[in-house]
N, C-alpha and C. Protein backbone atom coordinates (compact mmCIF):
# COMPACT_ATOMS: atom_id res chain seq x y z
N UNK A 1 8.54 4.91 28.84
CA UNK A 1 8.91 4.84 27.01
C UNK A 1 7.50 5.66 27.11
N UNK A 2 7.28 6.44 25.88
CA UNK A 2 6.09 7.20 25.27
C UNK A 2 6.07 6.54 23.94
N UNK A 3 4.84 6.19 23.26
CA UNK A 3 4.50 6.03 22.21
C UNK A 3 3.27 6.59 21.66
N UNK A 4 3.43 6.79 20.29
CA UNK A 4 1.93 7.39 19.57
C UNK A 4 2.05 6.54 18.22
N UNK A 5 0.95 6.37 17.77
CA UNK A 5 0.74 5.53 16.56
C UNK A 5 0.19 6.64 15.53
N UNK A 6 0.65 6.96 14.10
CA UNK A 6 0.24 7.74 12.78
C UNK A 6 -0.42 6.83 12.07
N UNK A 7 -1.74 6.88 11.68
CA UNK A 7 -2.23 5.85 10.80
C UNK A 7 -2.74 7.17 9.53
N UNK A 8 -2.12 6.73 8.40
CA UNK A 8 -3.02 7.51 7.17
C UNK A 8 -3.23 6.55 6.48
N UNK A 9 -4.65 6.94 6.48
CA UNK A 9 -5.64 6.00 4.97
C UNK A 9 -5.51 6.75 3.43
N UNK A 10 -5.30 6.03 2.76
CA UNK A 10 -5.10 6.43 0.73
C UNK A 10 -6.14 5.97 0.65
N UNK A 11 -6.79 6.28 -0.98
CA UNK A 11 -7.86 5.53 -1.70
C UNK A 11 -6.94 4.11 -2.43
N UNK A 12 -5.96 4.23 -2.75
CA UNK A 12 -5.52 2.95 -3.47
C UNK A 12 -4.16 2.25 -2.28
N UNK A 13 -4.12 1.06 -2.62
CA UNK A 13 -3.11 0.50 -2.15
C UNK A 13 -1.91 0.54 -2.76
N UNK A 14 -1.75 1.10 -4.00
CA UNK A 14 -0.56 1.94 -4.94
C UNK A 14 -0.12 3.11 -4.12
N UNK A 15 -1.10 4.00 -3.73
CA UNK A 15 -0.50 5.43 -3.11
C UNK A 15 0.18 5.07 -1.75
N UNK A 16 -0.69 4.17 -0.73
CA UNK A 16 0.02 3.84 0.21
C UNK A 16 1.30 2.87 0.39
N UNK A 17 1.65 2.23 -0.65
CA UNK A 17 2.96 1.64 -1.21
C UNK A 17 4.13 2.69 -1.66
N UNK A 18 3.66 3.84 -2.07
CA UNK A 18 4.47 4.69 -2.45
C UNK A 18 4.99 5.33 -0.89
N UNK A 19 3.97 5.76 -0.93
CA UNK A 19 4.47 6.49 0.83
C UNK A 19 5.27 5.82 1.94
N UNK A 20 4.46 4.33 1.53
CA UNK A 20 5.72 3.52 2.52
C UNK A 20 7.04 3.32 2.38
N UNK A 21 7.08 3.04 0.97
CA UNK A 21 8.31 2.83 0.37
C UNK A 21 9.17 4.30 0.50
N UNK A 22 8.79 5.39 0.29
CA UNK A 22 9.58 6.55 0.29
C UNK A 22 9.83 6.99 1.89
N UNK A 23 8.87 7.04 2.65
CA UNK A 23 9.29 7.33 3.87
C UNK A 23 10.27 6.23 4.94
N UNK A 24 9.65 4.46 4.44
CA UNK A 24 10.48 3.80 4.98
C UNK A 24 12.14 3.72 5.06
N UNK A 25 12.62 4.21 4.10
CA UNK A 25 13.90 4.20 3.82
C UNK A 25 14.63 4.97 5.04
N UNK A 26 13.93 5.62 5.41
CA UNK A 26 14.58 6.95 6.75
C UNK A 26 14.42 6.25 8.10
N UNK A 27 13.40 4.96 8.16
CA UNK A 27 13.80 4.26 9.35
C UNK A 27 15.33 3.91 9.60
N UNK A 28 15.41 4.05 10.55
CA UNK A 28 16.94 3.93 11.00
C UNK A 28 17.89 4.81 11.01
N UNK A 29 18.11 5.71 9.91
CA UNK A 29 18.52 6.96 9.69
C UNK A 29 17.96 8.23 10.46
N UNK A 30 16.94 8.68 10.87
CA UNK A 30 16.67 9.48 11.22
C UNK A 30 16.61 9.59 13.09
N UNK A 31 16.39 8.37 13.24
CA UNK A 31 16.16 7.82 14.55
C UNK A 31 17.48 8.38 15.73
N UNK A 32 17.38 8.85 16.92
CA UNK A 32 18.38 9.55 17.72
C UNK A 32 18.22 8.51 18.95
N UNK A 33 19.27 9.14 20.10
CA UNK A 33 19.34 8.40 21.00
C UNK A 33 17.86 8.04 21.81
N UNK A 34 16.90 8.79 21.88
CA UNK A 34 15.39 9.04 22.45
C UNK A 34 14.82 8.54 21.28
N UNK A 35 14.60 8.65 20.44
CA UNK A 35 13.46 8.37 19.77
C UNK A 35 13.82 6.51 18.75
N UNK A 36 12.69 6.17 18.01
CA UNK A 36 12.72 5.25 17.22
C UNK A 36 11.78 4.89 16.74
N UNK A 37 11.51 4.72 15.12
CA UNK A 37 10.35 4.71 14.63
C UNK A 37 9.88 3.16 13.77
N UNK A 38 8.92 2.67 13.69
CA UNK A 38 8.51 1.81 12.70
C UNK A 38 7.39 2.16 11.53
N UNK A 39 7.61 1.68 10.43
CA UNK A 39 6.36 1.61 9.73
C UNK A 39 6.23 0.62 8.92
N UNK A 40 4.50 0.28 8.86
CA UNK A 40 3.94 -0.79 8.17
C UNK A 40 3.00 -0.30 7.22
N UNK A 41 2.36 -1.25 6.39
CA UNK A 41 1.32 -1.28 5.60
C UNK A 41 0.70 -2.18 5.47
N UNK A 42 -0.62 -1.84 5.79
CA UNK A 42 -1.60 -2.90 5.45
C UNK A 42 -2.84 -2.27 4.27
N UNK A 43 -2.88 -2.87 3.31
CA UNK A 43 -3.65 -2.78 2.16
C UNK A 43 -3.36 -1.08 2.00
N UNK A 44 -4.26 -0.04 2.09
CA UNK A 44 -4.17 1.40 1.90
C UNK A 44 -3.76 2.02 2.79
N UNK A 45 -3.72 1.59 4.14
CA UNK A 45 -3.16 2.22 5.08
C UNK A 45 -1.76 2.15 5.54
N UNK A 46 -0.92 3.28 5.77
CA UNK A 46 -0.15 3.52 6.58
C UNK A 46 0.05 3.88 7.96
N UNK A 47 0.82 2.75 8.87
CA UNK A 47 1.26 2.82 9.90
C UNK A 47 2.31 3.69 10.26
N UNK A 48 2.51 4.48 11.16
CA UNK A 48 4.07 4.98 11.50
C UNK A 48 3.82 4.79 13.18
N UNK A 49 4.75 4.03 13.85
CA UNK A 49 4.87 4.09 15.67
C UNK A 49 6.06 4.70 15.76
N UNK A 50 5.64 5.66 16.65
CA UNK A 50 6.94 6.46 17.11
C UNK A 50 6.98 6.47 18.62
N UNK A 51 8.43 5.73 19.31
CA UNK A 51 8.46 5.24 20.79
C UNK A 51 9.65 6.14 21.12
N UNK A 52 9.60 7.05 21.89
CA UNK A 52 10.54 7.80 22.86
C UNK A 52 10.94 7.67 24.28
N UNK A 53 11.58 8.28 24.84
CA UNK A 53 11.94 8.27 26.06
C UNK A 53 11.31 9.01 26.73
N UNK A 54 11.07 10.60 26.48
CA UNK A 54 10.47 11.37 27.29
C UNK A 54 9.28 12.55 26.18
N UNK A 55 8.71 12.86 26.34
CA UNK A 55 7.58 13.51 25.90
C UNK A 55 7.93 14.61 24.91
N UNK A 56 9.16 15.46 25.30
CA UNK A 56 9.75 16.42 24.15
C UNK A 56 10.38 15.33 22.66
N UNK A 57 10.88 14.44 22.96
CA UNK A 57 11.61 13.60 22.06
C UNK A 57 9.92 13.09 21.11
N UNK A 58 9.17 12.77 21.86
CA UNK A 58 8.03 11.85 21.17
C UNK A 58 7.20 13.28 20.41
N UNK A 59 7.16 14.18 20.82
CA UNK A 59 6.46 15.34 19.74
C UNK A 59 7.54 15.81 18.59
N UNK A 60 8.88 15.79 19.16
CA UNK A 60 9.52 15.90 17.97
C UNK A 60 9.58 14.78 16.86
N UNK A 61 9.73 13.64 17.40
CA UNK A 61 9.19 12.58 16.59
C UNK A 61 8.35 12.64 15.80
N UNK A 62 6.99 12.85 16.35
CA UNK A 62 6.02 13.05 15.87
C UNK A 62 5.97 14.09 14.70
N UNK A 63 6.41 15.16 14.61
CA UNK A 63 6.73 16.22 13.63
C UNK A 63 7.66 15.99 12.78
N UNK A 64 8.67 15.11 13.14
CA UNK A 64 9.61 14.54 12.02
C UNK A 64 8.71 13.56 11.05
N UNK A 65 8.31 12.53 11.65
CA UNK A 65 7.47 11.37 11.09
C UNK A 65 6.45 12.07 9.92
N UNK A 66 5.34 12.98 10.49
CA UNK A 66 4.52 13.67 9.59
C UNK A 66 5.10 14.30 8.73
N UNK A 67 5.84 14.86 8.39
CA UNK A 67 6.50 15.87 7.38
C UNK A 67 6.96 14.91 6.37
N UNK A 68 7.77 13.90 6.77
CA UNK A 68 8.31 12.99 6.01
C UNK A 68 7.16 12.59 5.28
N UNK A 69 5.80 12.00 5.65
CA UNK A 69 4.70 11.77 5.02
C UNK A 69 4.22 12.70 4.35
N UNK A 70 3.95 13.93 4.57
CA UNK A 70 3.43 14.79 3.71
C UNK A 70 4.35 14.88 2.49
N UNK A 71 5.78 14.95 2.78
CA UNK A 71 6.67 15.23 1.39
C UNK A 71 6.37 14.19 0.97
N UNK A 72 6.39 12.69 0.93
CA UNK A 72 6.22 11.62 0.16
C UNK A 72 4.68 11.97 -0.76
N UNK A 73 4.01 12.34 0.26
CA UNK A 73 2.29 12.55 -0.34
C UNK A 73 2.82 13.69 -1.83
N UNK A 74 3.39 14.69 -1.18
CA UNK A 74 3.54 15.72 -2.17
C UNK A 74 4.05 14.90 -3.63
N UNK A 75 4.99 14.39 -3.34
CA UNK A 75 5.96 13.96 -4.29
C UNK A 75 4.87 12.94 -5.35
N UNK A 76 4.29 12.35 -4.55
CA UNK A 76 3.48 11.45 -5.33
C UNK A 76 2.17 11.99 -5.87
N UNK A 77 1.94 13.40 -5.55
CA UNK A 77 0.93 13.78 -6.65
C UNK A 77 -0.19 14.14 -5.60
N UNK A 78 -0.27 14.27 -4.64
CA UNK A 78 -1.49 13.91 -3.70
C UNK A 78 -2.22 15.24 -3.54
């Protein structure tokens, strides 16, 4: 298995909570046979752990979750 951790820090807990809740609803819905993800928040930091069976799937998973975080940030006005 291959794994990566994406960590994003924000200026406030409120912003991190908005991003976490926005992206968190996708966990379980987007995952395929080769990847899975977990989202956590501690204070103003959001962490996305992506695990995949191969490097191609890991790269695709990273791109997907980074895009979701970016959309959440745009919607939140960041």
